[in-house]
Amino acid sequence: MNSNLAYKEKPRKELLNGETILISPRPSIDHNRVASNIYYAFHTFLTNKPCETFSDGADVHLTENDCVIPDVMIICNKDIIKRNGVYGTPDLIV
């Protein structure tokens, strides 16, 4: 693989009580397996229901001073879902 083309990810950050918290390193493979299984179980259960399941990667802006990146979340209020993240409290955060 050409290292010049390698994907370079910005450090992941969360904001808690207005303080920036760096999340490093990326989750392990085992962590990813568990989170994927949780996502799959919720996604399967919620198929054809009004709530939506999301997996890791989306910023969730709980307040002006609190922004987290949950592994899995369920959102029933679609109004809080925006292109660049979630603005409000999901119904469930894992």
Protein backbone atom coordinates (compact mmCIF):
# COMPACT_ATOMS: atom_id res chain seq x y z
CA MET A 1 0.00 0.00 0.00
CA ASN A 2 1.26 3.46 -0.84
CA SER A 3 1.60 5.35 2.46
CA ASN A 4 0.88 8.63 0.67
CA LEU A 5 -2.64 7.37 0.03
CA ALA A 6 -3.19 5.96 3.51
CA TYR A 7 -6.20 7.35 5.30
CA LYS A 8 -5.18 9.77 8.02
CA GLU A 9 -7.82 10.21 10.63
CA LYS A 10 -8.14 13.26 12.86
CA PRO A 11 -8.12 12.49 16.58
CA ARG A 12 -11.58 11.76 17.91
CA LYS A 13 -12.77 14.18 20.59
CA GLU A 14 -15.71 14.46 22.94
CA LEU A 15 -16.78 17.56 24.83
CA LEU A 16 -17.90 17.05 28.44
CA ASN A 17 -18.86 20.03 30.61
CA GLY A 18 -17.11 22.24 28.06
CA GLU A 19 -13.81 20.34 28.40
CA THR A 20 -12.33 18.59 25.35
CA ILE A 21 -11.58 14.91 25.95
CA LEU A 22 -9.43 13.08 23.37
CA ILE A 23 -10.56 9.57 22.57
CA SER A 24 -7.60 7.44 21.67
CA PRO A 25 -6.74 5.01 20.37
CA ARG A 26 -9.43 3.74 18.04
CA PRO A 27 -11.48 0.92 19.62
CA SER A 28 -10.05 -2.59 19.47
CA ILE A 29 -11.35 -5.31 17.16
CA ASP A 30 -13.09 -7.01 20.11
CA HIS A 31 -14.76 -3.73 21.05
CA ASN A 32 -15.89 -3.34 17.45
CA ARG A 33 -17.31 -6.88 17.42
CA VAL A 34 -19.36 -6.26 20.56
CA ALA A 35 -20.62 -2.87 19.35
CA SER A 36 -21.53 -4.40 15.96
CA ASN A 37 -23.51 -7.16 17.65
CA ILE A 38 -25.38 -4.63 19.80
CA TYR A 39 -26.14 -2.51 16.72
CA TYR A 40 -27.35 -5.57 14.79
CA ALA A 41 -29.65 -6.69 17.63
CA PHE A 42 -31.26 -3.25 17.95
CA HIS A 43 -31.42 -2.73 14.18
CA THR A 44 -33.10 -6.10 13.69
CA PHE A 45 -35.59 -5.45 16.49
CA LEU A 46 -36.45 -1.97 15.17
CA THR A 47 -36.95 -2.98 11.53
CA ASN A 48 -40.30 -1.56 10.31
CA LYS A 49 -40.61 0.53 13.49
CA PRO A 50 -40.37 4.33 13.69
CA CYS A 51 -37.04 4.47 15.58
CA GLU A 52 -33.66 4.31 13.86
CA THR A 53 -30.41 2.69 14.99
CA PHE A 54 -27.02 4.31 14.37
CA SER A 55 -23.53 2.93 14.85
CA ASP A 56 -20.27 4.62 15.87
CA GLY A 57 -19.10 7.77 14.20
CA ALA A 58 -21.82 10.39 14.58
CA ASP A 59 -21.36 13.38 16.85
CA VAL A 60 -24.19 13.74 19.37
CA HIS A 61 -24.58 17.31 20.63
CA LEU A 62 -26.40 16.82 23.92
CA THR A 63 -25.95 20.45 24.99
CA GLU A 64 -23.75 23.36 23.96
CA ASN A 65 -21.08 22.02 26.35
CA ASP A 66 -21.53 18.28 25.81
CA CYS A 67 -20.81 16.37 22.59
CA VAL A 68 -20.21 12.61 22.56
CA ILE A 69 -19.58 9.86 19.99
CA PRO A 70 -21.53 6.81 21.16
CA ASP A 71 -20.89 3.29 19.89
CA VAL A 72 -24.59 2.70 19.21
CA MET A 73 -27.68 4.85 19.60
CA ILE A 74 -31.40 4.71 18.94
CA ILE A 75 -33.30 7.79 17.86
CA CYS A 76 -37.08 7.98 17.59
CA ASN A 77 -37.35 11.77 17.16
CA LYS A 78 -36.06 12.25 13.59
CA ASP A 79 -36.10 16.05 14.05
CA ILE A 80 -32.83 15.91 16.00
CA ILE A 81 -30.97 14.17 13.14
CA LYS A 82 -28.99 16.60 10.95
CA ARG A 83 -26.41 16.01 8.20
CA ASN A 84 -23.48 16.81 10.49
CA GLY A 85 -24.67 15.03 13.64
CA VAL A 86 -27.43 14.63 16.16
CA TYR A 87 -28.65 17.71 18.06
CA GLY A 88 -30.54 16.54 21.10
CA THR A 89 -30.77 13.47 23.28
CA PRO A 90 -31.14 10.06 21.60
CA ASP A 91 -33.62 7.64 23.15
CA LEU A 92 -30.78 5.22 23.93
CA ILE A 93 -26.99 5.61 23.93
CA VAL A 94 -24.60 2.64 24.27
